[in-house]
Amino acid sequence: MRNANPFAAMQNAIQLGLMITEAQSVVAMRIMGMAGIWSVTPAENARMISEKLSVVTRASTDATRAMIRGQGPEAVTAAAIKPLRQKTRANAKRLAKRGLKRS
């Protein structure tokens, strides 16, 4: 049994907090896009569905690989969080650049 690493656990908590914050902003911008307030591409609705399967598959694959390598729980959690956080960060940046819709 490995010793728990409180610093790695804290880093995972920080990454999860950032991911949740970014995900909520992405949801808000996409809803405003559906309402015609935020500038989004016509493909945004399809994108928000299709991207989930690939990123969840990657997260579970990365976590499984970390487990197979015998890494501890903090490393397995970090491996699962990383692709999810990358996607939420990229979506938040991309959508934020588009801004409010100008009539």
PDB file of N, CA and C in Angstrom:
ATOM      1  N   MET A   1       0.842  -1.185   0.000  1.00  0.00           N
ATOM      2  CA  MET A   1       0.000   0.000   0.000  1.00  0.00           C
ATOM      3  C   MET A   1       0.882   1.242   0.000  1.00  0.00           C
ATOM      4  N   ARG A   2       0.598   2.149  -0.897  1.00  0.00           N
ATOM      5  CA  ARG A   2       1.357   3.386  -0.989  1.00  0.00           C
ATOM      6  C   ARG A   2       0.861   4.382   0.060  1.00  0.00           C
ATOM      7  N   ASN A   3       1.756   5.236   0.472  1.00  0.00           N
ATOM      8  CA  ASN A   3       1.359   6.319   1.366  1.00  0.00           C
ATOM      9  C   ASN A   3       0.613   7.371   0.565  1.00  0.00           C
ATOM     10  N   ALA A   4      -0.392   7.938   1.177  1.00  0.00           N
ATOM     11  CA  ALA A   4      -1.155   8.991   0.519  1.00  0.00           C
ATOM     12  C   ALA A   4      -0.280  10.230   0.384  1.00  0.00           C
ATOM     13  N   ASN A   5      -0.418  10.905  -0.736  1.00  0.00           N
ATOM     14  CA  ASN A   5       0.329  12.127  -0.991  1.00  0.00           C
ATOM     15  C   ASN A   5      -0.647  13.298  -0.928  1.00  0.00           C
ATOM     16  N   PRO A   6      -0.653  14.045   0.181  1.00  0.00           N
ATOM     17  CA  PRO A   6      -1.635  15.130   0.315  1.00  0.00           C
ATOM     18  C   PRO A   6      -1.448  16.223  -0.727  1.00  0.00           C
ATOM     19  N   PHE A   7      -0.218  16.436  -1.197  1.00  0.00           N
ATOM     20  CA  PHE A   7       0.008  17.477  -2.198  1.00  0.00           C
ATOM     21  C   PHE A   7      -0.568  17.073  -3.557  1.00  0.00           C
ATOM     22  N   ALA A   8      -0.435  15.800  -3.901  1.00  0.00           N
ATOM     23  CA  ALA A   8      -1.025  15.313  -5.155  1.00  0.00           C
ATOM     24  C   ALA A   8      -2.546  15.348  -5.070  1.00  0.00           C
ATOM     25  N   ALA A   9      -3.079  15.013  -3.914  1.00  0.00           N
ATOM     26  CA  ALA A   9      -4.529  15.070  -3.730  1.00  0.00           C
ATOM     27  C   ALA A   9      -5.031  16.512  -3.844  1.00  0.00           C
ATOM     28  N   MET A  10      -4.272  17.440  -3.286  1.00  0.00           N
ATOM     29  CA  MET A  10      -4.642  18.859  -3.376  1.00  0.00           C
ATOM     30  C   MET A  10      -4.579  19.339  -4.824  1.00  0.00           C
ATOM     31  N   GLN A  11      -3.549  18.912  -5.552  1.00  0.00           N
ATOM     32  CA  GLN A  11      -3.435  19.286  -6.964  1.00  0.00           C
ATOM     33  C   GLN A  11      -4.619  18.744  -7.760  1.00  0.00           C
ATOM     34  N   ASN A  12      -5.031  17.515  -7.488  1.00  0.00           N
ATOM     35  CA  ASN A  12      -6.206  16.953  -8.159  1.00  0.00           C
ATOM     36  C   ASN A  12      -7.454  17.753  -7.831  1.00  0.00           C
ATOM     37  N   ALA A  13      -7.584  18.159  -6.573  1.00  0.00           N
ATOM     38  CA  ALA A  13      -8.744  18.962  -6.173  1.00  0.00           C
ATOM     39  C   ALA A  13      -8.751  20.306  -6.894  1.00  0.00           C
ATOM     40  N   ILE A  14      -7.586  20.914  -7.032  1.00  0.00           N
ATOM     41  CA  ILE A  14      -7.494  22.189  -7.746  1.00  0.00           C
ATOM     42  C   ILE A  14      -7.870  22.003  -9.211  1.00  0.00           C
ATOM     43  N   GLN A  15      -7.343  20.950  -9.840  1.00  0.00           N
ATOM     44  CA  GLN A  15      -7.664  20.688 -11.252  1.00  0.00           C
ATOM     45  C   GLN A  15      -9.161  20.432 -11.441  1.00  0.00           C
ATOM     46  N   LEU A  16      -9.756  19.690 -10.507  1.00  0.00           N
ATOM     47  CA  LEU A  16     -11.205  19.446 -10.588  1.00  0.00           C
ATOM     48  C   LEU A  16     -11.987  20.742 -10.425  1.00  0.00           C
ATOM     49  N   GLY A  17     -11.569  21.585  -9.504  1.00  0.00           N
ATOM     50  CA  GLY A  17     -12.244  22.869  -9.315  1.00  0.00           C
ATOM     51  C   GLY A  17     -12.173  23.742 -10.551  1.00  0.00           C
ATOM     52  N   LEU A  18     -10.995  23.795 -11.169  1.00  0.00           N
ATOM     53  CA  LEU A  18     -10.841  24.564 -12.397  1.00  0.00           C
ATOM     54  C   LEU A  18     -11.690  23.977 -13.525  1.00  0.00           C
ATOM     55  N   MET A  19     -11.704  22.642 -13.616  1.00  0.00           N
ATOM     56  CA  MET A  19     -12.489  21.986 -14.648  1.00  0.00           C
ATOM     57  C   MET A  19     -13.980  22.281 -14.479  1.00  0.00           C
ATOM     58  N   ILE A  20     -14.452  22.222 -13.254  1.00  0.00           N
ATOM     59  CA  ILE A  20     -15.868  22.493 -12.990  1.00  0.00           C
ATOM     60  C   ILE A  20     -16.213  23.932 -13.348  1.00  0.00           C
ATOM     61  N   THR A  21     -15.341  24.861 -12.983  1.00  0.00           N
ATOM     62  CA  THR A  21     -15.574  26.274 -13.296  1.00  0.00           C
ATOM     63  C   THR A  21     -15.614  26.495 -14.805  1.00  0.00           C
ATOM     64  N   GLU A  22     -14.649  25.910 -15.507  1.00  0.00           N
ATOM     65  CA  GLU A  22     -14.618  26.044 -16.969  1.00  0.00           C
ATOM     66  C   GLU A  22     -15.833  25.388 -17.609  1.00  0.00           C
ATOM     67  N   ALA A  23     -16.216  24.221 -17.121  1.00  0.00           N
ATOM     68  CA  ALA A  23     -17.374  23.520 -17.687  1.00  0.00           C
ATOM     69  C   ALA A  23     -18.646  24.353 -17.513  1.00  0.00           C
ATOM     70  N   GLN A  24     -18.803  24.984 -16.358  1.00  0.00           N
ATOM     71  CA  GLN A  24     -19.984  25.815 -16.140  1.00  0.00           C
ATOM     72  C   GLN A  24     -20.000  27.029 -17.053  1.00  0.00           C
ATOM     73  N   SER A  25     -18.828  27.618 -17.298  1.00  0.00           N
ATOM     74  CA  SER A  25     -18.795  28.755 -18.216  1.00  0.00           C
ATOM     75  C   SER A  25     -19.096  28.315 -19.645  1.00  0.00           C
ATOM     76  N   VAL A  26     -18.621  27.118 -20.026  1.00  0.00           N
ATOM     77  CA  VAL A  26     -18.918  26.580 -21.361  1.00  0.00           C
ATOM     78  C   VAL A  26     -20.419  26.337 -21.502  1.00  0.00           C
ATOM     79  N   VAL A  27     -21.025  25.748 -20.493  1.00  0.00           N
ATOM     80  CA  VAL A  27     -22.473  25.510 -20.526  1.00  0.00           C
ATOM     81  C   VAL A  27     -23.215  26.837 -20.664  1.00  0.00           C
ATOM     82  N   ALA A  28     -22.810  27.836 -19.889  1.00  0.00           N
ATOM     83  CA  ALA A  28     -23.478  29.146 -19.953  1.00  0.00           C
ATOM     84  C   ALA A  28     -23.349  29.764 -21.344  1.00  0.00           C
ATOM     85  N   MET A  29     -22.139  29.716 -21.919  1.00  0.00           N
ATOM     86  CA  MET A  29     -21.948  30.309 -23.249  1.00  0.00           C
ATOM     87  C   MET A  29     -22.721  29.540 -24.318  1.00  0.00           C
ATOM     88  N   ARG A  30     -22.800  28.223 -24.180  1.00  0.00           N
ATOM     89  CA  ARG A  30     -23.555  27.447 -25.167  1.00  0.00           C
ATOM     90  C   ARG A  30     -25.051  27.703 -25.046  1.00  0.00           C
ATOM     91  N   ILE A  31     -25.549  27.831 -23.833  1.00  0.00           N
ATOM     92  CA  ILE A  31     -26.976  28.151 -23.652  1.00  0.00           C
ATOM     93  C   ILE A  31     -27.273  29.534 -24.208  1.00  0.00           C
ATOM     94  N   MET A  32     -26.382  30.502 -23.928  1.00  0.00           N
ATOM     95  CA  MET A  32     -26.585  31.840 -24.496  1.00  0.00           C
ATOM     96  C   MET A  32     -26.494  31.794 -26.021  1.00  0.00           C
ATOM     97  N   GLY A  33     -25.678  30.895 -26.553  1.00  0.00           N
ATOM     98  CA  GLY A  33     -25.602  30.724 -28.002  1.00  0.00           C
ATOM     99  C   GLY A  33     -26.907  30.212 -28.569  1.00  0.00           C
ATOM    100  N   MET A  34     -27.507  29.242 -27.863  1.00  0.00           N
ATOM    101  CA  MET A  34     -28.806  28.715 -28.312  1.00  0.00           C
ATOM    102  C   MET A  34     -29.887  29.788 -28.242  1.00  0.00           C
ATOM    103  N   ALA A  35     -29.741  30.719 -27.313  1.00  0.00           N
ATOM    104  CA  ALA A  35     -30.717  31.798 -27.153  1.00  0.00           C
ATOM    105  C   ALA A  35     -30.444  32.962 -28.101  1.00  0.00           C
ATOM    106  N   GLY A  36     -29.339  32.880 -28.852  1.00  0.00           N
ATOM    107  CA  GLY A  36     -29.014  33.937 -29.795  1.00  0.00           C
ATOM    108  C   GLY A  36     -28.283  35.111 -29.178  1.00  0.00           C
ATOM    109  N   ILE A  37     -27.770  34.954 -27.955  1.00  0.00           N
ATOM    110  CA  ILE A  37     -27.076  36.041 -27.264  1.00  0.00           C
ATOM    111  C   ILE A  37     -25.569  35.952 -27.475  1.00  0.00           C
ATOM    112  N   TRP A  38     -25.028  34.735 -27.514  1.00  0.00           N
ATOM    113  CA  TRP A  38     -23.587  34.511 -27.648  1.00  0.00           C
ATOM    114  C   TRP A  38     -23.281  34.051 -29.061  1.00  0.00           C
ATOM    115  N   SER A  39     -22.180  34.485 -29.590  1.00  0.00           N
ATOM    116  CA  SER A  39     -21.784  34.115 -30.943  1.00  0.00           C
ATOM    117  C   SER A  39     -21.183  32.703 -30.941  1.00  0.00           C
ATOM    118  N   VAL A  40     -21.895  31.758 -31.527  1.00  0.00           N
ATOM    119  CA  VAL A  40     -21.407  30.381 -31.658  1.00  0.00           C
ATOM    120  C   VAL A  40     -21.581  29.942 -33.106  1.00  0.00           C
ATOM    121  N   THR A  41     -20.821  28.925 -33.481  1.00  0.00           N
ATOM    122  CA  THR A  41     -20.942  28.402 -34.842  1.00  0.00           C
ATOM    123  C   THR A  41     -22.178  27.506 -34.923  1.00  0.00           C
ATOM    124  N   PRO A  42     -22.692  27.294 -36.121  1.00  0.00           N
ATOM    125  CA  PRO A  42     -23.847  26.405 -36.263  1.00  0.00           C
ATOM    126  C   PRO A  42     -23.562  24.968 -35.811  1.00  0.00           C
ATOM    127  N   ALA A  43     -22.309  24.570 -35.827  1.00  0.00           N
ATOM    128  CA  ALA A  43     -21.947  23.198 -35.459  1.00  0.00           C
ATOM    129  C   ALA A  43     -21.776  23.002 -33.951  1.00  0.00           C
ATOM    130  N   GLU A  44     -21.962  24.049 -33.164  1.00  0.00           N
ATOM    131  CA  GLU A  44     -21.701  23.970 -31.719  1.00  0.00           C
ATOM    132  C   GLU A  44     -22.591  22.945 -31.016  1.00  0.00           C
ATOM    133  N   ASN A  45     -23.866  22.871 -31.390  1.00  0.00           N
ATOM    134  CA  ASN A  45     -24.764  21.909 -30.734  1.00  0.00           C
ATOM    135  C   ASN A  45     -24.321  20.465 -30.981  1.00  0.00           C
ATOM    136  N   ALA A  46     -23.929  20.163 -32.198  1.00  0.00           N
ATOM    137  CA  ALA A  46     -23.450  18.810 -32.502  1.00  0.00           C
ATOM    138  C   ALA A  46     -22.116  18.549 -31.813  1.00  0.00           C
ATOM    139  N   ARG A  47     -21.283  19.563 -31.750  1.00  0.00           N
ATOM    140  CA  ARG A  47     -19.962  19.423 -31.138  1.00  0.00           C
ATOM    141  C   ARG A  47     -20.068  19.078 -29.658  1.00  0.00           C
ATOM    142  N   MET A  48     -21.005  19.710 -28.961  1.00  0.00           N
ATOM    143  CA  MET A  48     -21.093  19.475 -27.519  1.00  0.00           C
ATOM    144  C   MET A  48     -21.533  18.047 -27.205  1.00  0.00           C
ATOM    145  N   ILE A  49     -22.158  17.381 -28.145  1.00  0.00           N
ATOM    146  CA  ILE A  49     -22.543  15.982 -27.935  1.00  0.00           C
ATOM    147  C   ILE A  49     -21.396  15.059 -28.351  1.00  0.00           C
ATOM    148  N   SER A  50     -20.848  15.294 -29.525  1.00  0.00           N
ATOM    149  CA  SER A  50     -19.846  14.369 -30.075  1.00  0.00           C
ATOM    150  C   SER A  50     -18.532  14.363 -29.300  1.00  0.00           C
ATOM    151  N   GLU A  51     -18.151  15.482 -28.714  1.00  0.00           N
ATOM    152  CA  GLU A  51     -16.860  15.540 -28.027  1.00  0.00           C
ATOM    153  C   GLU A  51     -16.833  14.732 -26.734  1.00  0.00           C
ATOM    154  N   LYS A  52     -17.969  14.528 -26.135  1.00  0.00           N
ATOM    155  CA  LYS A  52     -18.009  13.859 -24.831  1.00  0.00           C
ATOM    156  C   LYS A  52     -17.555  12.401 -24.904  1.00  0.00           C
ATOM    157  N   LEU A  53     -17.989  11.679 -25.888  1.00  0.00           N
ATOM    158  CA  LEU A  53     -17.626  10.268 -25.995  1.00  0.00           C
ATOM    159  C   LEU A  53     -16.119  10.095 -26.123  1.00  0.00           C
ATOM    160  N   SER A  54     -15.494  10.875 -26.980  1.00  0.00           N
ATOM    161  CA  SER A  54     -14.052  10.714 -27.180  1.00  0.00           C
ATOM    162  C   SER A  54     -13.254  11.121 -25.948  1.00  0.00           C
ATOM    163  N   VAL A  55     -13.644  12.193 -25.278  1.00  0.00           N
ATOM    164  CA  VAL A  55     -12.865  12.641 -24.123  1.00  0.00           C
ATOM    165  C   VAL A  55     -13.067  11.721 -22.913  1.00  0.00           C
ATOM    166  N   VAL A  56     -14.253  11.192 -22.733  1.00  0.00           N
ATOM    167  CA  VAL A  56     -14.484  10.253 -21.624  1.00  0.00           C
ATOM    168  C   VAL A  56     -13.751   8.937 -21.885  1.00  0.00           C
ATOM    169  N   THR A  57     -13.737   8.499 -23.138  1.00  0.00           N
ATOM    170  CA  THR A  57     -12.988   7.293 -23.492  1.00  0.00           C
ATOM    171  C   THR A  57     -11.504   7.485 -23.218  1.00  0.00           C
ATOM    172  N   ARG A  58     -10.972   8.641 -23.604  1.00  0.00           N
ATOM    173  CA  ARG A  58      -9.551   8.913 -23.354  1.00  0.00           C
ATOM    174  C   ARG A  58      -9.254   8.981 -21.860  1.00  0.00           C
ATOM    175  N   ALA A  59     -10.131   9.610 -21.090  1.00  0.00           N
ATOM    176  CA  ALA A  59      -9.915   9.720 -19.645  1.00  0.00           C
ATOM    177  C   ALA A  59      -9.895   8.343 -18.988  1.00  0.00           C
ATOM    178  N   SER A  60     -10.833   7.489 -19.370  1.00  0.00           N
ATOM    179  CA  SER A  60     -10.867   6.158 -18.762  1.00  0.00           C
ATOM    180  C   SER A  60      -9.690   5.303 -19.215  1.00  0.00           C
ATOM    181  N   THR A  61      -9.267   5.460 -20.469  1.00  0.00           N
ATOM    182  CA  THR A  61      -8.105   4.725 -20.959  1.00  0.00           C
ATOM    183  C   THR A  61      -6.838   5.163 -20.233  1.00  0.00           C
ATOM    184  N   ASP A  62      -6.667   6.465 -20.069  1.00  0.00           N
ATOM    185  CA  ASP A  62      -5.481   6.974 -19.372  1.00  0.00           C
ATOM    186  C   ASP A  62      -5.460   6.523 -17.913  1.00  0.00           C
ATOM    187  N   ALA A  63      -6.609   6.535 -17.258  1.00  0.00           N
ATOM    188  CA  ALA A  63      -6.677   6.083 -15.865  1.00  0.00           C
ATOM    189  C   ALA A  63      -6.382   4.588 -15.768  1.00  0.00           C
ATOM    190  N   THR A  64      -6.903   3.818 -16.705  1.00  0.00           N
ATOM    191  CA  THR A  64      -6.646   2.378 -16.709  1.00  0.00           C
ATOM    192  C   THR A  64      -5.173   2.087 -16.914  1.00  0.00           C
ATOM    193  N   ARG A  65      -4.533   2.811 -17.823  1.00  0.00           N
ATOM    194  CA  ARG A  65      -3.092   2.638 -18.039  1.00  0.00           C
ATOM    195  C   ARG A  65      -2.300   2.957 -16.775  1.00  0.00           C
ATOM    196  N   ALA A  66      -2.694   3.999 -16.071  1.00  0.00           N
ATOM    197  CA  ALA A  66      -2.008   4.356 -14.829  1.00  0.00           C
ATOM    198  C   ALA A  66      -2.177   3.244 -13.790  1.00  0.00           C
ATOM    199  N   MET A  67      -3.364   2.651 -13.723  1.00  0.00           N
ATOM    200  CA  MET A  67      -3.592   1.547 -12.784  1.00  0.00           C
ATOM    201  C   MET A  67      -2.749   0.335 -13.153  1.00  0.00           C
ATOM    202  N   ILE A  68      -2.702   0.010 -14.442  1.00  0.00           N
ATOM    203  CA  ILE A  68      -1.931  -1.147 -14.897  1.00  0.00           C
ATOM    204  C   ILE A  68      -0.445  -0.955 -14.585  1.00  0.00           C
ATOM    205  N   ARG A  69       0.034   0.277 -14.671  1.00  0.00           N
ATOM    206  CA  ARG A  69       1.433   0.569 -14.348  1.00  0.00           C
ATOM    207  C   ARG A  69       1.690   0.545 -12.840  1.00  0.00           C
ATOM    208  N   GLY A  70       0.646   0.375 -12.051  1.00  0.00           N
ATOM    209  CA  GLY A  70       0.800   0.292 -10.605  1.00  0.00           C
ATOM    210  C   GLY A  70       0.922   1.636  -9.917  1.00  0.00           C
ATOM    211  N   GLN A  71       0.475   2.673 -10.576  1.00  0.00           N
ATOM    212  CA  GLN A  71       0.550   3.992  -9.962  1.00  0.00           C
ATOM    213  C   GLN A  71      -0.497   4.120  -8.852  1.00  0.00           C
ATOM    214  N   GLY A  72      -0.255   5.028  -7.951  1.00  0.00           N
ATOM    215  CA  GLY A  72      -1.147   5.234  -6.816  1.00  0.00           C
ATOM    216  C   GLY A  72      -2.451   5.918  -7.200  1.00  0.00           C
ATOM    217  N   PRO A  73      -3.363   6.017  -6.248  1.00  0.00           N
ATOM    218  CA  PRO A  73      -4.680   6.599  -6.526  1.00  0.00           C
ATOM    219  C   PRO A  73      -4.634   8.049  -7.009  1.00  0.00           C
ATOM    220  N   GLU A  74      -3.695   8.822  -6.472  1.00  0.00           N
ATOM    221  CA  GLU A  74      -3.591  10.226  -6.898  1.00  0.00           C
ATOM    222  C   GLU A  74      -3.170  10.319  -8.369  1.00  0.00           C
ATOM    223  N   ALA A  75      -2.252   9.455  -8.784  1.00  0.00           N
ATOM    224  CA  ALA A  75      -1.789   9.457 -10.175  1.00  0.00           C
ATOM    225  C   ALA A  75      -2.885   8.953 -11.117  1.00  0.00           C
ATOM    226  N   VAL A  76      -3.642   7.968 -10.684  1.00  0.00           N
ATOM    227  CA  VAL A  76      -4.745   7.458 -11.498  1.00  0.00           C
ATOM    228  C   VAL A  76      -5.805   8.548 -11.666  1.00  0.00           C
ATOM    229  N   THR A  77      -6.108   9.229 -10.572  1.00  0.00           N
ATOM    230  CA  THR A  77      -7.084  10.326 -10.628  1.00  0.00           C
ATOM    231  C   THR A  77      -6.590  11.441 -11.542  1.00  0.00           C
ATOM    232  N   ALA A  78      -5.323  11.805 -11.418  1.00  0.00           N
ATOM    233  CA  ALA A  78      -4.751  12.853 -12.270  1.00  0.00           C
ATOM    234  C   ALA A  78      -4.815  12.463 -13.745  1.00  0.00           C
ATOM    235  N   ALA A  79      -4.554  11.189 -14.032  1.00  0.00           N
ATOM    236  CA  ALA A  79      -4.610  10.711 -15.419  1.00  0.00           C
ATOM    237  C   ALA A  79      -6.025  10.815 -15.981  1.00  0.00           C
ATOM    238  N   ALA A  80      -7.018  10.574 -15.139  1.00  0.00           N
ATOM    239  CA  ALA A  80      -8.406  10.676 -15.585  1.00  0.00           C
ATOM    240  C   ALA A  80      -8.836  12.125 -15.768  1.00  0.00           C
ATOM    241  N   ILE A  81      -8.343  12.999 -14.906  1.00  0.00           N
ATOM    242  CA  ILE A  81      -8.737  14.411 -14.958  1.00  0.00           C
ATOM    243  C   ILE A  81      -8.128  15.127 -16.160  1.00  0.00           C
ATOM    244  N   LYS A  82      -6.885  14.799 -16.490  1.00  0.00           N
ATOM    245  CA  LYS A  82      -6.130  15.563 -17.488  1.00  0.00           C
ATOM    246  C   LYS A  82      -6.855  15.772 -18.815  1.00  0.00           C
ATOM    247  N   PRO A  83      -7.347  14.719 -19.495  1.00  0.00           N
ATOM    248  CA  PRO A  83      -8.017  14.976 -20.783  1.00  0.00           C
ATOM    249  C   PRO A  83      -9.328  15.746 -20.635  1.00  0.00           C
ATOM    250  N   LEU A  84     -10.020  15.533 -19.519  1.00  0.00           N
ATOM    251  CA  LEU A  84     -11.261  16.272 -19.290  1.00  0.00           C
ATOM    252  C   LEU A  84     -10.969  17.755 -19.119  1.00  0.00           C
ATOM    253  N   ARG A  85      -9.949  18.049 -18.332  1.00  0.00           N
ATOM    254  CA  ARG A  85      -9.559  19.447 -18.094  1.00  0.00           C
ATOM    255  C   ARG A  85      -9.067  20.100 -19.376  1.00  0.00           C
ATOM    256  N   GLN A  86      -8.314  19.355 -20.191  1.00  0.00           N
ATOM    257  CA  GLN A  86      -7.835  19.915 -21.462  1.00  0.00           C
ATOM    258  C   GLN A  86      -9.011  20.321 -22.341  1.00  0.00           C
ATOM    259  N   LYS A  87     -10.036  19.491 -22.372  1.00  0.00           N
ATOM    260  CA  LYS A  87     -11.205  19.785 -23.214  1.00  0.00           C
ATOM    261  C   LYS A  87     -11.998  20.977 -22.677  1.00  0.00           C
ATOM    262  N   THR A  88     -12.221  21.011 -21.355  1.00  0.00           N
ATOM    263  CA  THR A  88     -12.987  22.139 -20.809  1.00  0.00           C
ATOM    264  C   THR A  88     -12.215  23.446 -20.974  1.00  0.00           C
ATOM    265  N   ARG A  89     -10.896  23.400 -20.780  1.00  0.00           N
ATOM    266  CA  ARG A  89     -10.071  24.606 -20.945  1.00  0.00           C
ATOM    267  C   ARG A  89     -10.133  25.094 -22.384  1.00  0.00           C
ATOM    268  N   ALA A  90      -9.979  24.176 -23.334  1.00  0.00           N
ATOM    269  CA  ALA A  90     -10.005  24.546 -24.755  1.00  0.00           C
ATOM    270  C   ALA A  90     -11.370  25.112 -25.154  1.00  0.00           C
ATOM    271  N   ASN A  91     -12.435  24.475 -24.692  1.00  0.00           N
ATOM    272  CA  ASN A  91     -13.779  24.962 -25.019  1.00  0.00           C
ATOM    273  C   ASN A  91     -14.026  26.344 -24.424  1.00  0.00           C
ATOM    274  N   ALA A  92     -13.626  26.545 -23.174  1.00  0.00           N
ATOM    275  CA  ALA A  92     -13.840  27.839 -22.524  1.00  0.00           C
ATOM    276  C   ALA A  92     -13.089  28.944 -23.263  1.00  0.00           C
ATOM    277  N   LYS A  93     -11.841  28.678 -23.637  1.00  0.00           N
ATOM    278  CA  LYS A  93     -11.059  29.683 -24.364  1.00  0.00           C
ATOM    279  C   LYS A  93     -11.672  29.977 -25.729  1.00  0.00           C
ATOM    280  N   ARG A  94     -12.050  28.911 -26.438  1.00  0.00           N
ATOM    281  CA  ARG A  94     -12.595  29.074 -27.793  1.00  0.00           C
ATOM    282  C   ARG A  94     -13.900  29.857 -27.772  1.00  0.00           C
ATOM    283  N   LEU A  95     -14.798  29.494 -26.870  1.00  0.00           N
ATOM    284  CA  LEU A  95     -16.094  30.165 -26.822  1.00  0.00           C
ATOM    285  C   LEU A  95     -15.986  31.590 -26.279  1.00  0.00           C
ATOM    286  N   ALA A  96     -15.102  31.806 -25.314  1.00  0.00           N
ATOM    287  CA  ALA A  96     -14.943  33.149 -24.752  1.00  0.00           C
ATOM    288  C   ALA A  96     -14.444  34.136 -25.806  1.00  0.00           C
ATOM    289  N   LYS A  97     -13.626  33.678 -26.733  1.00  0.00           N
ATOM    290  CA  LYS A  97     -13.110  34.541 -27.797  1.00  0.00           C
ATOM    291  C   LYS A  97     -14.220  35.022 -28.722  1.00  0.00           C
ATOM    292  N   ARG A  98     -15.281  34.235 -28.841  1.00  0.00           N
ATOM    293  CA  ARG A  98     -16.351  34.571 -29.777  1.00  0.00           C
ATOM    294  C   ARG A  98     -17.174  35.762 -29.269  1.00  0.00           C
ATOM    295  N   GLY A  99     -17.431  35.811 -27.987  1.00  0.00           N
ATOM    296  CA  GLY A  99     -18.106  36.955 -27.388  1.00  0.00           C
ATOM    297  C   GLY A  99     -19.583  37.052 -27.682  1.00  0.00           C
ATOM    298  N   LEU A 100     -20.146  38.144 -27.178  1.00  0.00           N
ATOM    299  CA  LEU A 100     -21.575  38.415 -27.371  1.00  0.00           C
ATOM    300  C   LEU A 100     -21.885  38.601 -28.851  1.00  0.00           C
ATOM    301  N   LYS A 101     -23.085  38.188 -29.213  1.00  0.00           N
ATOM    302  CA  LYS A 101     -23.522  38.311 -30.605  1.00  0.00           C
ATOM    303  C   LYS A 101     -23.874  39.768 -30.888  1.00  0.00           C
ATOM    304  N   ARG A 102     -23.343  40.261 -31.947  1.00  0.00           N
ATOM    305  CA  ARG A 102     -23.638  41.645 -32.363  1.00  0.00           C
ATOM    306  C   ARG A 102     -24.729  41.609 -33.435  1.00  0.00           C
ATOM    307  N   SER A 103     -25.782  42.313 -33.192  1.00  0.00           N
ATOM    308  CA  SER A 103     -26.911  42.318 -34.149  1.00  0.00           C
ATOM    309  C   SER A 103     -26.690  43.234 -35.296  1.00  0.00           C
TER     310      SER A 103
END
